[in-house]
């Protein structure tokens, strides 16, 4: 089954260590694509420094256009 795993590198809930485990355990699978995004948090919103809970409710934002494009491309390539 095709699988797309995306990770915001500023995500403090699901960390880059978690992402590395996915990559390690799914390495070599031709149906899996993994990609991380520097500067994005758990909601794929841009920010600076370490991710913080306040980002989710104190500052409105939108999912990164790059993430939207990558998801659309992945879906359309199926």
PDB file of N, CA and C in Angstrom:
ATOM      1  N   UNK A   1       0.848  -1.168   0.000  1.00  0.00           N
ATOM      2  CA  UNK A   1       0.000   0.000   0.000  1.00  0.00           C
ATOM      3  C   UNK A   1       0.896   1.234   0.000  1.00  0.00           C
ATOM      4  N   UNK A   2       0.624   2.221  -0.840  1.00  0.00           N
ATOM      5  CA  UNK A   2       1.406   3.451  -0.858  1.00  0.00           C
ATOM      6  C   UNK A   2       1.282   4.203   0.469  1.00  0.00           C
ATOM      7  N   UNK A   3       2.382   4.797   0.877  1.00  0.00           N
ATOM      8  CA  UNK A   3       2.415   5.506   2.154  1.00  0.00           C
ATOM      9  C   UNK A   3       3.242   6.772   2.001  1.00  0.00           C
ATOM     10  N   UNK A   4       2.688   7.903   2.424  1.00  0.00           N
ATOM     11  CA  UNK A   4       3.385   9.181   2.412  1.00  0.00           C
ATOM     12  C   UNK A   4       3.554   9.626   3.856  1.00  0.00           C
ATOM     13  N   UNK A   5       4.806   9.831   4.260  1.00  0.00           N
ATOM     14  CA  UNK A   5       5.108  10.251   5.631  1.00  0.00           C
ATOM     15  C   UNK A   5       5.775  11.616   5.557  1.00  0.00           C
ATOM     16  N   UNK A   6       5.117  12.613   6.134  1.00  0.00           N
ATOM     17  CA  UNK A   6       5.621  13.976   6.126  1.00  0.00           C
ATOM     18  C   UNK A   6       5.896  14.413   7.559  1.00  0.00           C
ATOM     19  N   UNK A   7       6.949  15.199   7.747  1.00  0.00           N
ATOM     20  CA  UNK A   7       7.374  15.584   9.087  1.00  0.00           C
ATOM     21  C   UNK A   7       7.823  17.037   9.113  1.00  0.00           C
ATOM     22  N   UNK A   8       7.243  17.830  10.001  1.00  0.00           N
ATOM     23  CA  UNK A   8       7.754  19.171  10.268  1.00  0.00           C
ATOM     24  C   UNK A   8       8.949  19.048  11.206  1.00  0.00           C
ATOM     25  N   UNK A   9      10.052  19.632  10.842  1.00  0.00           N
ATOM     26  CA  UNK A   9      11.268  19.477  11.644  1.00  0.00           C
ATOM     27  C   UNK A   9      11.211  20.232  12.968  1.00  0.00           C
ATOM     28  N   UNK A  10      10.241  21.154  13.127  1.00  0.00           N
ATOM     29  CA  UNK A  10      10.054  21.865  14.386  1.00  0.00           C
ATOM     30  C   UNK A  10       8.971  21.217  15.246  1.00  0.00           C
ATOM     31  N   UNK A  11       8.486  20.070  14.839  1.00  0.00           N
ATOM     32  CA  UNK A  11       7.428  19.364  15.571  1.00  0.00           C
ATOM     33  C   UNK A  11       8.003  18.817  16.872  1.00  0.00           C
ATOM     34  N   UNK A  12       7.403  19.198  18.003  1.00  0.00           N
ATOM     35  CA  UNK A  12       7.866  18.687  19.297  1.00  0.00           C
ATOM     36  C   UNK A  12       6.996  17.530  19.781  1.00  0.00           C
ATOM     37  N   UNK A  13       5.883  17.258  19.089  1.00  0.00           N
ATOM     38  CA  UNK A  13       5.002  16.163  19.482  1.00  0.00           C
ATOM     39  C   UNK A  13       5.421  14.856  18.815  1.00  0.00           C
ATOM     40  N   UNK A  14       5.671  14.909  17.537  1.00  0.00           N
ATOM     41  CA  UNK A  14       6.214  13.776  16.781  1.00  0.00           C
ATOM     42  C   UNK A  14       7.564  14.276  16.286  1.00  0.00           C
ATOM     43  N   UNK A  15       8.620  13.770  16.866  1.00  0.00           N
ATOM     44  CA  UNK A  15       9.938  14.354  16.676  1.00  0.00           C
ATOM     45  C   UNK A  15      10.670  13.801  15.457  1.00  0.00           C
ATOM     46  N   UNK A  16      11.771  14.420  15.148  1.00  0.00           N
ATOM     47  CA  UNK A  16      12.613  13.934  14.064  1.00  0.00           C
ATOM     48  C   UNK A  16      13.179  12.552  14.404  1.00  0.00           C
ATOM     49  N   UNK A  17      13.316  12.250  15.675  1.00  0.00           N
ATOM     50  CA  UNK A  17      13.733  10.897  16.072  1.00  0.00           C
ATOM     51  C   UNK A  17      12.663   9.874  15.681  1.00  0.00           C
ATOM     52  N   UNK A  18      11.398  10.235  15.872  1.00  0.00           N
ATOM     53  CA  UNK A  18      10.296   9.370  15.439  1.00  0.00           C
ATOM     54  C   UNK A  18      10.325   9.195  13.923  1.00  0.00           C
ATOM     55  N   UNK A  19      10.526  10.293  13.221  1.00  0.00           N
ATOM     56  CA  UNK A  19      10.596  10.270  11.763  1.00  0.00           C
ATOM     57  C   UNK A  19      11.722   9.351  11.296  1.00  0.00           C
ATOM     58  N   UNK A  20      12.863   9.426  11.964  1.00  0.00           N
ATOM     59  CA  UNK A  20      14.004   8.572  11.612  1.00  0.00           C
ATOM     60  C   UNK A  20      13.663   7.091  11.782  1.00  0.00           C
ATOM     61  N   UNK A  21      12.862   6.763  12.784  1.00  0.00           N
ATOM     62  CA  UNK A  21      12.438   5.364  12.974  1.00  0.00           C
ATOM     63  C   UNK A  21      11.575   4.895  11.808  1.00  0.00           C
ATOM     64  N   UNK A  22      10.645   5.747  11.373  1.00  0.00           N
ATOM     65  CA  UNK A  22       9.824   5.401  10.204  1.00  0.00           C
ATOM     66  C   UNK A  22      10.718   5.144   9.000  1.00  0.00           C
ATOM     67  N   UNK A  23      11.665   6.055   8.784  1.00  0.00           N
ATOM     68  CA  UNK A  23      12.561   5.907   7.642  1.00  0.00           C
ATOM     69  C   UNK A  23      13.367   4.616   7.738  1.00  0.00           C
ATOM     70  N   UNK A  24      13.874   4.333   8.911  1.00  0.00           N
ATOM     71  CA  UNK A  24      14.693   3.130   9.116  1.00  0.00           C
ATOM     72  C   UNK A  24      13.890   1.860   8.852  1.00  0.00           C
ATOM     73  N   UNK A  25      12.712   1.785   9.409  1.00  0.00           N
ATOM     74  CA  UNK A  25      11.917   0.558   9.309  1.00  0.00           C
ATOM     75  C   UNK A  25      11.263   0.369   7.942  1.00  0.00           C
ATOM     76  N   UNK A  26      11.125   1.450   7.190  1.00  0.00           N
ATOM     77  CA  UNK A  26      10.493   1.345   5.874  1.00  0.00           C
ATOM     78  C   UNK A  26      11.490   1.517   4.729  1.00  0.00           C
ATOM     79  N   UNK A  27      12.769   1.566   5.072  1.00  0.00           N
ATOM     80  CA  UNK A  27      13.811   1.738   4.052  1.00  0.00           C
ATOM     81  C   UNK A  27      13.716   0.617   3.017  1.00  0.00           C
ATOM     82  N   UNK A  28      13.867   0.989   1.769  1.00  0.00           N
ATOM     83  CA  UNK A  28      13.842   0.013   0.697  1.00  0.00           C
ATOM     84  C   UNK A  28      12.470  -0.266   0.131  1.00  0.00           C
ATOM     85  N   UNK A  29      11.424   0.236   0.770  1.00  0.00           N
ATOM     86  CA  UNK A  29      10.077   0.029   0.240  1.00  0.00           C
ATOM     87  C   UNK A  29       9.822   1.033  -0.877  1.00  0.00           C
ATOM     88  N   UNK A  30       9.509   0.520  -2.047  1.00  0.00           N
ATOM     89  CA  UNK A  30       9.290   1.402  -3.197  1.00  0.00           C
ATOM     90  C   UNK A  30       7.962   2.135  -3.134  1.00  0.00           C
ATOM     91  N   UNK A  31       7.099   1.763  -2.194  1.00  0.00           N
ATOM     92  CA  UNK A  31       5.771   2.372  -2.095  1.00  0.00           C
ATOM     93  C   UNK A  31       5.686   3.422  -0.993  1.00  0.00           C
ATOM     94  N   UNK A  32       6.830   3.720  -0.377  1.00  0.00           N
ATOM     95  CA  UNK A  32       6.850   4.667   0.735  1.00  0.00           C
ATOM     96  C   UNK A  32       7.681   5.883   0.360  1.00  0.00           C
ATOM     97  N   UNK A  33       7.112   7.071   0.631  1.00  0.00           N
ATOM     98  CA  UNK A  33       7.862   8.311   0.437  1.00  0.00           C
ATOM     99  C   UNK A  33       7.876   9.047   1.766  1.00  0.00           C
ATOM    100  N   UNK A  34       9.066   9.445   2.200  1.00  0.00           N
ATOM    101  CA  UNK A  34       9.246  10.204   3.428  1.00  0.00           C
ATOM    102  C   UNK A  34       9.867  11.550   3.086  1.00  0.00           C
ATOM    103  N   UNK A  35       9.355  12.612   3.709  1.00  0.00           N
ATOM    104  CA  UNK A  35       9.928  13.938   3.484  1.00  0.00           C
ATOM    105  C   UNK A  35       9.748  14.774   4.743  1.00  0.00           C
ATOM    106  N   UNK A  36      10.799  15.515   5.098  1.00  0.00           N
ATOM    107  CA  UNK A  36      10.707  16.432   6.229  1.00  0.00           C
ATOM    108  C   UNK A  36      10.846  17.868   5.723  1.00  0.00           C
ATOM    109  N   UNK A  37      10.351  18.790   6.539  1.00  0.00           N
ATOM    110  CA  UNK A  37      10.300  20.196   6.161  1.00  0.00           C
ATOM    111  C   UNK A  37      10.929  21.057   7.260  1.00  0.00           C
ATOM    112  N   UNK A  38      12.095  21.628   6.976  1.00  0.00           N
ATOM    113  CA  UNK A  38      12.710  22.536   7.959  1.00  0.00           C
ATOM    114  C   UNK A  38      11.796  23.743   8.186  1.00  0.00           C
ATOM    115  N   UNK A  39      11.724  24.195   9.410  1.00  0.00           N
ATOM    116  CA  UNK A  39      10.958  25.405   9.714  1.00  0.00           C
ATOM    117  C   UNK A  39       9.476  25.197   9.940  1.00  0.00           C
ATOM    118  N   UNK A  40       8.987  23.958   9.773  1.00  0.00           N
ATOM    119  CA  UNK A  40       7.554  23.716   9.962  1.00  0.00           C
ATOM    120  C   UNK A  40       7.299  22.941  11.250  1.00  0.00           C
ATOM    121  N   UNK A  41       6.141  23.233  11.872  1.00  0.00           N
ATOM    122  CA  UNK A  41       5.776  22.551  13.108  1.00  0.00           C
ATOM    123  C   UNK A  41       4.838  21.371  12.836  1.00  0.00           C
ATOM    124  N   UNK A  42       4.187  20.890  13.864  1.00  0.00           N
ATOM    125  CA  UNK A  42       3.296  19.729  13.785  1.00  0.00           C
ATOM    126  C   UNK A  42       2.132  19.958  12.813  1.00  0.00           C
ATOM    127  N   UNK A  43       1.701  21.210  12.685  1.00  0.00           N
ATOM    128  CA  UNK A  43       0.595  21.564  11.792  1.00  0.00           C
ATOM    129  C   UNK A  43       1.091  22.006  10.422  1.00  0.00           C
ATOM    130  N   UNK A  44       2.377  21.809  10.168  1.00  0.00           N
ATOM    131  CA  UNK A  44       3.028  22.218   8.921  1.00  0.00           C
ATOM    132  C   UNK A  44       2.904  23.725   8.697  1.00  0.00           C
ATOM    133  N   UNK A  45       2.970  24.480   9.799  1.00  0.00           N
ATOM    134  CA  UNK A  45       2.978  25.937   9.738  1.00  0.00           C
ATOM    135  C   UNK A  45       4.390  26.422  10.035  1.00  0.00           C
ATOM    136  N   UNK A  46       4.785  27.511   9.379  1.00  0.00           N
ATOM    137  CA  UNK A  46       6.135  28.042   9.539  1.00  0.00           C
ATOM    138  C   UNK A  46       6.303  28.737  10.882  1.00  0.00           C
ATOM    139  N   UNK A  47       7.551  28.725  11.345  1.00  0.00           N
ATOM    140  CA  UNK A  47       7.911  29.406  12.582  1.00  0.00           C
ATOM    141  C   UNK A  47       9.410  29.403  12.742  1.00  0.00           C
ATOM    142  N   UNK A  48       9.851  29.949  13.855  1.00  0.00           N
ATOM    143  CA  UNK A  48      11.275  30.014  14.148  1.00  0.00           C
ATOM    144  C   UNK A  48      11.550  29.417  15.509  1.00  0.00           C
ATOM    145  N   UNK A  49      12.745  28.859  15.653  1.00  0.00           N
ATOM    146  CA  UNK A  49      13.135  28.271  16.925  1.00  0.00           C
ATOM    147  C   UNK A  49      12.380  26.988  17.195  1.00  0.00           C
ATOM    148  N   UNK A  50      12.522  26.488  18.405  1.00  0.00           N
ATOM    149  CA  UNK A  50      11.817  25.249  18.765  1.00  0.00           C
ATOM    150  C   UNK A  50      10.303  25.443  18.719  1.00  0.00           C
ATOM    151  N   UNK A  51       9.585  24.398  18.347  1.00  0.00           N
ATOM    152  CA  UNK A  51       8.130  24.462  18.339  1.00  0.00           C
ATOM    153  C   UNK A  51       7.590  24.628  19.755  1.00  0.00           C
ATOM    154  N   UNK A  52       6.477  25.347  19.890  1.00  0.00           N
ATOM    155  CA  UNK A  52       5.866  25.594  21.191  1.00  0.00           C
ATOM    156  C   UNK A  52       4.355  25.419  21.097  1.00  0.00           C
ATOM    157  N   UNK A  53       3.695  25.026  22.185  1.00  0.00           N
ATOM    158  CA  UNK A  53       2.244  24.840  22.159  1.00  0.00           C
ATOM    159  C   UNK A  53       1.488  26.114  21.768  1.00  0.00           C
ATOM    160  N   UNK A  54       2.006  27.284  22.129  1.00  0.00           N
ATOM    161  CA  UNK A  54       1.326  28.545  21.837  1.00  0.00           C
ATOM    162  C   UNK A  54       1.105  28.746  20.341  1.00  0.00           C
ATOM    163  N   UNK A  55       1.949  28.133  19.528  1.00  0.00           N
ATOM    164  CA  UNK A  55       1.822  28.296  18.082  1.00  0.00           C
ATOM    165  C   UNK A  55       0.487  27.775  17.564  1.00  0.00           C
ATOM    166  N   UNK A  56      -0.119  26.857  18.262  1.00  0.00           N
ATOM    167  CA  UNK A  56      -1.329  26.219  17.768  1.00  0.00           C
ATOM    168  C   UNK A  56      -2.588  27.025  18.035  1.00  0.00           C
ATOM    169  N   UNK A  57      -2.552  27.913  19.021  1.00  0.00           N
ATOM    170  CA  UNK A  57      -3.769  28.654  19.328  1.00  0.00           C
ATOM    171  C   UNK A  57      -3.567  30.166  19.392  1.00  0.00           C
ATOM    172  N   UNK A  58      -2.354  30.637  19.542  1.00  0.00           N
ATOM    173  CA  UNK A  58      -2.114  32.065  19.714  1.00  0.00           C
ATOM    174  C   UNK A  58      -1.817  32.786  18.402  1.00  0.00           C
ATOM    175  N   UNK A  59      -1.499  32.030  17.373  1.00  0.00           N
ATOM    176  CA  UNK A  59      -1.101  32.666  16.119  1.00  0.00           C
ATOM    177  C   UNK A  59      -1.759  31.938  14.965  1.00  0.00           C
ATOM    178  N   UNK A  60      -2.678  32.606  14.258  1.00  0.00           N
ATOM    179  CA  UNK A  60      -3.303  31.940  13.113  1.00  0.00           C
ATOM    180  C   UNK A  60      -2.276  31.717  12.001  1.00  0.00           C
ATOM    181  N   UNK A  61      -2.486  30.703  11.224  1.00  0.00           N
ATOM    182  CA  UNK A  61      -1.584  30.413  10.127  1.00  0.00           C
ATOM    183  C   UNK A  61      -2.196  29.421   9.167  1.00  0.00           C
ATOM    184  N   UNK A  62      -1.441  29.079   8.160  1.00  0.00           N
ATOM    185  CA  UNK A  62      -1.900  28.153   7.135  1.00  0.00           C
ATOM    186  C   UNK A  62      -0.838  27.092   6.902  1.00  0.00           C
ATOM    187  N   UNK A  63      -1.270  25.935   6.458  1.00  0.00           N
ATOM    188  CA  UNK A  63      -0.347  24.881   6.091  1.00  0.00           C
ATOM    189  C   UNK A  63       0.544  25.388   4.955  1.00  0.00           C
ATOM    190  N   UNK A  64       1.785  25.005   4.984  1.00  0.00           N
ATOM    191  CA  UNK A  64       2.743  25.424   3.962  1.00  0.00           C
ATOM    192  C   UNK A  64       2.284  24.989   2.574  1.00  0.00           C
ATOM    193  N   UNK A  65       2.407  25.879   1.611  1.00  0.00           N
ATOM    194  CA  UNK A  65       2.059  25.556   0.226  1.00  0.00           C
ATOM    195  C   UNK A  65       2.900  24.422  -0.324  1.00  0.00           C
ATOM    196  N   UNK A  66       4.143  24.319   0.134  1.00  0.00           N
ATOM    197  CA  UNK A  66       5.002  23.226  -0.324  1.00  0.00           C
ATOM    198  C   UNK A  66       4.430  21.877   0.093  1.00  0.00           C
ATOM    199  N   UNK A  67       3.894  21.808   1.301  1.00  0.00           N
ATOM    200  CA  UNK A  67       3.295  20.557   1.785  1.00  0.00           C
ATOM    201  C   UNK A  67       2.056  20.217   0.952  1.00  0.00           C
ATOM    202  N   UNK A  68       1.208  21.211   0.711  1.00  0.00           N
ATOM    203  CA  UNK A  68       0.007  20.995  -0.102  1.00  0.00           C
ATOM    204  C   UNK A  68       0.405  20.488  -1.489  1.00  0.00           C
ATOM    205  N   UNK A  69       1.399  21.132  -2.095  1.00  0.00           N
ATOM    206  CA  UNK A  69       1.861  20.710  -3.417  1.00  0.00           C
ATOM    207  C   UNK A  69       2.406  19.290  -3.398  1.00  0.00           C
ATOM    208  N   UNK A  70       3.179  18.950  -2.365  1.00  0.00           N
ATOM    209  CA  UNK A  70       3.745  17.604  -2.272  1.00  0.00           C
ATOM    210  C   UNK A  70       2.656  16.544  -2.103  1.00  0.00           C
ATOM    211  N   UNK A  71       1.641  16.844  -1.303  1.00  0.00           N
ATOM    212  CA  UNK A  71       0.534  15.895  -1.122  1.00  0.00           C
ATOM    213  C   UNK A  71      -0.219  15.720  -2.443  1.00  0.00           C
ATOM    214  N   UNK A  72      -0.521  16.825  -3.109  1.00  0.00           N
ATOM    215  CA  UNK A  72      -1.245  16.751  -4.389  1.00  0.00           C
ATOM    216  C   UNK A  72      -0.444  15.959  -5.419  1.00  0.00           C
ATOM    217  N   UNK A  73       0.844  16.222  -5.494  1.00  0.00           N
ATOM    218  CA  UNK A  73       1.703  15.497  -6.452  1.00  0.00           C
ATOM    219  C   UNK A  73       1.715  14.009  -6.129  1.00  0.00           C
ATOM    220  N   UNK A  74       1.827  13.666  -4.844  1.00  0.00           N
ATOM    221  CA  UNK A  74       1.864  12.262  -4.442  1.00  0.00           C
ATOM    222  C   UNK A  74       0.551  11.571  -4.812  1.00  0.00           C
ATOM    223  N   UNK A  75      -0.579  12.226  -4.528  1.00  0.00           N
ATOM    224  CA  UNK A  75      -1.885  11.651  -4.859  1.00  0.00           C
ATOM    225  C   UNK A  75      -2.022  11.459  -6.367  1.00  0.00           C
ATOM    226  N   UNK A  76      -1.651  12.469  -7.122  1.00  0.00           N
ATOM    227  CA  UNK A  76      -1.787  12.409  -8.577  1.00  0.00           C
ATOM    228  C   UNK A  76      -0.826  11.411  -9.233  1.00  0.00           C
ATOM    229  N   UNK A  77       0.212  11.028  -8.519  1.00  0.00           N
ATOM    230  CA  UNK A  77       1.160  10.062  -9.085  1.00  0.00           C
ATOM    231  C   UNK A  77       0.743   8.617  -8.817  1.00  0.00           C
ATOM    232  N   UNK A  78      -0.346   8.428  -8.106  1.00  0.00           N
ATOM    233  CA  UNK A  78      -0.822   7.066  -7.781  1.00  0.00           C
ATOM    234  C   UNK A  78      -1.539   6.489  -8.940  1.00  0.00           C
TER     235      UNK A  78
END
